[in-house]
């Protein structure tokens, strides 16, 4: 799944503490990682090593976006689990495809942009 691939990418970067912004059903794919903040249901008591975002659809909120931005600006790695464009409007506006580039470009220096 995209979540497993994202978790593997985070592990490959040495990340163990993750702030997931994923649907609840996808959290089971993050076994072995410490989940803080985001949609984990656990408090964000420390800065995560990585922010892992996926398709939250209409569950995306300004509070989630602010939390993700803050973690990234504090030095967390950025991992997007999906850039799927096989969606129809208006769903695509809240899909990971539209948020991933926005969050990444707002928090990472241009030399780290993957596109």
C-alpha atoms as a PDB file:
ATOM      1  CA  UNK A   1       0.000   0.000   0.000  1.00  0.00           C
ATOM      2  CA  UNK A   2       1.020   3.631  -0.254  1.00  0.00           C
ATOM      3  CA  UNK A   3       1.141   3.808   3.543  1.00  0.00           C
ATOM      4  CA  UNK A   4       3.569   0.869   3.748  1.00  0.00           C
ATOM      5  CA  UNK A   5       5.745   2.508   1.095  1.00  0.00           C
ATOM      6  CA  UNK A   6       5.683   5.783   3.039  1.00  0.00           C
ATOM      7  CA  UNK A   7       6.578   4.000   6.273  1.00  0.00           C
ATOM      8  CA  UNK A   8       9.467   2.234   4.516  1.00  0.00           C
ATOM      9  CA  UNK A   9      10.689   5.568   3.114  1.00  0.00           C
ATOM     10  CA  UNK A  10      10.601   7.109   6.604  1.00  0.00           C
ATOM     11  CA  UNK A  11      12.503   4.147   8.078  1.00  0.00           C
ATOM     12  CA  UNK A  12      15.097   4.373   5.284  1.00  0.00           C
ATOM     13  CA  UNK A  13      15.723   7.990   6.348  1.00  0.00           C
ATOM     14  CA  UNK A  14      16.279   6.857   9.931  1.00  0.00           C
ATOM     15  CA  UNK A  15      12.914   8.126  11.178  1.00  0.00           C
ATOM     16  CA  UNK A  16      11.258   6.304  14.066  1.00  0.00           C
ATOM     17  CA  UNK A  17       8.853   8.895  15.503  1.00  0.00           C
ATOM     18  CA  UNK A  18       6.098   9.735  13.018  1.00  0.00           C
ATOM     19  CA  UNK A  19       3.292  12.289  12.965  1.00  0.00           C
ATOM     20  CA  UNK A  20       0.757  10.544  10.724  1.00  0.00           C
ATOM     21  CA  UNK A  21      -1.890  12.461   8.812  1.00  0.00           C
ATOM     22  CA  UNK A  22      -3.626   9.356   7.476  1.00  0.00           C
ATOM     23  CA  UNK A  23      -7.037   7.695   7.790  1.00  0.00           C
ATOM     24  CA  UNK A  24      -7.426   5.617  10.965  1.00  0.00           C
ATOM     25  CA  UNK A  25      -7.494   2.359   8.985  1.00  0.00           C
ATOM     26  CA  UNK A  26      -4.034   3.113   7.550  1.00  0.00           C
ATOM     27  CA  UNK A  27      -2.395   3.528  10.969  1.00  0.00           C
ATOM     28  CA  UNK A  28      -2.119  -0.261  11.334  1.00  0.00           C
ATOM     29  CA  UNK A  29       0.441  -0.212   8.498  1.00  0.00           C
ATOM     30  CA  UNK A  30       2.800   1.861  10.679  1.00  0.00           C
ATOM     31  CA  UNK A  31       3.615  -0.991  13.055  1.00  0.00           C
ATOM     32  CA  UNK A  32       6.977  -0.557  14.754  1.00  0.00           C
ATOM     33  CA  UNK A  33       6.987   3.243  14.474  1.00  0.00           C
ATOM     34  CA  UNK A  34       6.217   5.595  17.356  1.00  0.00           C
ATOM     35  CA  UNK A  35       3.130   7.639  16.431  1.00  0.00           C
ATOM     36  CA  UNK A  36       2.684  11.133  17.881  1.00  0.00           C
ATOM     37  CA  UNK A  37       0.174  13.828  17.019  1.00  0.00           C
ATOM     38  CA  UNK A  38      -1.655  14.010  13.729  1.00  0.00           C
ATOM     39  CA  UNK A  39      -4.377  11.400  13.432  1.00  0.00           C
ATOM     40  CA  UNK A  40      -2.629   8.953  15.789  1.00  0.00           C
ATOM     41  CA  UNK A  41      -4.752   9.887  18.797  1.00  0.00           C
ATOM     42  CA  UNK A  42      -1.531  10.278  20.787  1.00  0.00           C
ATOM     43  CA  UNK A  43      -0.355  13.662  22.047  1.00  0.00           C
ATOM     44  CA  UNK A  44       2.416  15.398  20.113  1.00  0.00           C
ATOM     45  CA  UNK A  45       4.755  15.491  23.109  1.00  0.00           C
ATOM     46  CA  UNK A  46       7.904  15.634  20.996  1.00  0.00           C
ATOM     47  CA  UNK A  47       8.909  16.740  17.512  1.00  0.00           C
ATOM     48  CA  UNK A  48       8.459  13.799  15.166  1.00  0.00           C
ATOM     49  CA  UNK A  49      11.299  12.600  12.964  1.00  0.00           C
ATOM     50  CA  UNK A  50       8.889  12.662  10.010  1.00  0.00           C
ATOM     51  CA  UNK A  51       5.484  13.896   8.934  1.00  0.00           C
ATOM     52  CA  UNK A  52       3.639  11.252   6.933  1.00  0.00           C
ATOM     53  CA  UNK A  53       0.654  12.510   4.954  1.00  0.00           C
ATOM     54  CA  UNK A  54      -1.938  10.653   2.957  1.00  0.00           C
ATOM     55  CA  UNK A  55      -5.490  10.950   1.762  1.00  0.00           C
ATOM     56  CA  UNK A  56      -7.571  12.332   4.609  1.00  0.00           C
ATOM     57  CA  UNK A  57     -10.191  13.713   2.240  1.00  0.00           C
ATOM     58  CA  UNK A  58     -12.501  16.090   4.055  1.00  0.00           C
ATOM     59  CA  UNK A  59     -10.901  15.235   7.412  1.00  0.00           C
ATOM     60  CA  UNK A  60      -8.032  17.636   6.617  1.00  0.00           C
ATOM     61  CA  UNK A  61      -8.308  20.632   8.892  1.00  0.00           C
ATOM     62  CA  UNK A  62      -6.413  23.856   9.478  1.00  0.00           C
ATOM     63  CA  UNK A  63      -5.271  22.409  12.817  1.00  0.00           C
ATOM     64  CA  UNK A  64      -3.776  19.358  11.052  1.00  0.00           C
ATOM     65  CA  UNK A  65      -2.108  21.554   8.445  1.00  0.00           C
ATOM     66  CA  UNK A  66      -0.658  23.837  11.140  1.00  0.00           C
ATOM     67  CA  UNK A  67       0.664  20.854  13.076  1.00  0.00           C
ATOM     68  CA  UNK A  68       2.298  19.417   9.946  1.00  0.00           C
ATOM     69  CA  UNK A  69       3.832  22.795   9.003  1.00  0.00           C
ATOM     70  CA  UNK A  70       5.182  23.328  12.519  1.00  0.00           C
ATOM     71  CA  UNK A  71       6.794  19.881  12.644  1.00  0.00           C
ATOM     72  CA  UNK A  72       8.385  20.352   9.222  1.00  0.00           C
ATOM     73  CA  UNK A  73       9.683  23.803  10.071  1.00  0.00           C
ATOM     74  CA  UNK A  74      11.161  22.319  13.255  1.00  0.00           C
ATOM     75  CA  UNK A  75      13.142  19.851  11.123  1.00  0.00           C
ATOM     76  CA  UNK A  76      10.928  16.796  10.591  1.00  0.00           C
ATOM     77  CA  UNK A  77      11.287  14.892   7.318  1.00  0.00           C
ATOM     78  CA  UNK A  78       8.393  15.044   4.840  1.00  0.00           C
ATOM     79  CA  UNK A  79       6.871  11.858   3.405  1.00  0.00           C
ATOM     80  CA  UNK A  80       3.794  11.947   1.163  1.00  0.00           C
ATOM     81  CA  UNK A  81       2.099   8.577   0.757  1.00  0.00           C
ATOM     82  CA  UNK A  82       0.195   9.474  -2.399  1.00  0.00           C
ATOM     83  CA  UNK A  83       0.011  11.944  -5.256  1.00  0.00           C
ATOM     84  CA  UNK A  84      -2.888  10.131  -6.911  1.00  0.00           C
ATOM     85  CA  UNK A  85      -4.618  12.326  -9.475  1.00  0.00           C
ATOM     86  CA  UNK A  86      -7.315   9.807 -10.386  1.00  0.00           C
ATOM     87  CA  UNK A  87      -9.951  11.814  -8.544  1.00  0.00           C
ATOM     88  CA  UNK A  88     -12.680  14.128  -9.612  1.00  0.00           C
ATOM     89  CA  UNK A  89     -13.202  17.660  -8.407  1.00  0.00           C
ATOM     90  CA  UNK A  90     -13.954  18.787  -5.735  1.00  0.00           C
ATOM     91  CA  UNK A  91     -12.516  15.709  -3.944  1.00  0.00           C
ATOM     92  CA  UNK A  92      -9.048  16.415  -5.343  1.00  0.00           C
ATOM     93  CA  UNK A  93      -8.927  19.704  -3.455  1.00  0.00           C
ATOM     94  CA  UNK A  94      -8.623  17.885  -0.137  1.00  0.00           C
ATOM     95  CA  UNK A  95      -6.691  14.892  -1.445  1.00  0.00           C
ATOM     96  CA  UNK A  96      -3.022  14.406  -0.681  1.00  0.00           C
ATOM     97  CA  UNK A  97      -2.218  15.339  -4.305  1.00  0.00           C
ATOM     98  CA  UNK A  98      -3.081  18.977  -3.755  1.00  0.00           C
ATOM     99  CA  UNK A  99      -1.688  19.283  -0.229  1.00  0.00           C
ATOM    100  CA  UNK A 100       1.635  17.462  -0.551  1.00  0.00           C
ATOM    101  CA  UNK A 101       3.308  19.942  -2.937  1.00  0.00           C
ATOM    102  CA  UNK A 102       1.924  22.904  -0.998  1.00  0.00           C
ATOM    103  CA  UNK A 103       3.156  21.703   2.381  1.00  0.00           C
ATOM    104  CA  UNK A 104       6.489  20.582   0.972  1.00  0.00           C
ATOM    105  CA  UNK A 105       7.275  23.769  -0.938  1.00  0.00           C
ATOM    106  CA  UNK A 106       6.252  25.964   1.998  1.00  0.00           C
ATOM    107  CA  UNK A 107       8.558  24.194   4.437  1.00  0.00           C
ATOM    108  CA  UNK A 108      11.551  22.869   2.469  1.00  0.00           C
ATOM    109  CA  UNK A 109      14.365  24.704   0.712  1.00  0.00           C
ATOM    110  CA  UNK A 110      14.152  24.522  -3.109  1.00  0.00           C
ATOM    111  CA  UNK A 111      17.200  22.244  -3.381  1.00  0.00           C
ATOM    112  CA  UNK A 112      15.206  19.527  -1.556  1.00  0.00           C
ATOM    113  CA  UNK A 113      12.144  19.659  -3.827  1.00  0.00           C
ATOM    114  CA  UNK A 114      11.611  16.272  -5.525  1.00  0.00           C
ATOM    115  CA  UNK A 115      10.040  17.793  -8.646  1.00  0.00           C
END
